Amino acid sequence: MSAIARFFRNVSSEMHKVTWPTRKELLTYTVTVVITVILFALFFMLIDFGIEQIIKLIM
């Protein structure tokens, strides 16, 4: 049991060392991720559409 208690004390100690983002930073990071995901989705959608058209031309 002491090993488990020591583990959770260490976890608590490490959590106090974490630098948490501010609300503004979090919003900025979230918007960046959402925009990046949308751009990647559009990119792969265009690639998929292009491959589909090439396959239709071949068939």
Protein backbone atom coordinates (compact mmCIF):
# COMPACT_ATOMS: atom_id res chain seq x y z
CA MET A 1 0.00 0.00 0.00
CA SER A 2 2.83 2.41 0.70
CA ALA A 3 4.01 2.14 -2.90
CA ILE A 4 0.59 3.21 -4.14
CA ALA A 5 0.47 6.12 -1.68
CA ARG A 6 3.98 7.19 -2.73
CA PHE A 7 2.94 7.01 -6.37
CA PHE A 8 -0.02 9.34 -5.80
CA ARG A 9 2.12 11.75 -3.73
CA ASN A 10 4.57 11.89 -6.64
CA VAL A 11 1.74 12.46 -9.10
CA SER A 12 0.41 15.30 -6.95
CA SER A 13 3.88 16.82 -6.69
CA GLU A 14 4.36 16.70 -10.47
CA MET A 15 0.92 18.18 -11.13
CA HIS A 16 1.89 21.25 -9.09
CA LYS A 17 4.86 21.77 -11.43
CA VAL A 18 2.68 21.84 -14.57
CA THR A 19 2.24 25.20 -16.26
CA TRP A 20 -1.39 25.35 -17.30
CA PRO A 21 -2.39 27.51 -20.31
CA THR A 22 -4.40 30.64 -19.78
CA ARG A 23 -7.94 30.88 -21.17
CA LYS A 24 -6.68 32.98 -24.09
CA GLU A 25 -3.88 30.52 -24.91
CA LEU A 26 -6.30 27.59 -24.70
CA LEU A 27 -8.73 29.31 -27.07
CA THR A 28 -5.90 30.09 -29.51
CA TYR A 29 -4.64 26.49 -29.44
CA THR A 30 -8.15 25.11 -29.87
CA VAL A 31 -8.94 27.34 -32.85
CA THR A 32 -5.59 26.43 -34.43
CA VAL A 33 -6.30 22.71 -34.08
CA VAL A 34 -9.85 22.99 -35.44
CA ILE A 35 -8.72 25.02 -38.47
CA THR A 36 -5.86 22.59 -39.13
CA VAL A 37 -8.20 19.59 -38.97
CA ILE A 38 -10.66 21.28 -41.35
CA LEU A 39 -7.88 22.11 -43.82
CA PHE A 40 -6.56 18.55 -43.74
CA ALA A 41 -10.08 17.18 -44.23
CA LEU A 42 -10.60 19.44 -47.26
CA PHE A 43 -7.22 18.47 -48.68
CA PHE A 44 -7.93 14.75 -48.40
CA MET A 45 -11.45 15.25 -49.75
CA LEU A 46 -9.99 16.90 -52.86
CA ILE A 47 -7.40 14.15 -53.27
CA ASP A 48 -10.13 11.51 -52.90
CA PHE A 49 -12.31 13.28 -55.45
CA GLY A 50 -9.38 13.50 -57.89
CA ILE A 51 -8.56 9.80 -57.55
CA GLU A 52 -12.24 8.96 -58.01
CA GLN A 53 -12.36 10.97 -61.25
CA ILE A 54 -9.20 9.29 -62.54
CA ILE A 55 -10.68 5.86 -61.83
CA LYS A 56 -13.92 6.82 -63.61
CA LEU A 57 -11.90 7.90 -66.67
CA ILE A 58 -10.03 4.60 -66.71
CA MET A 59 -13.21 2.52 -66.40
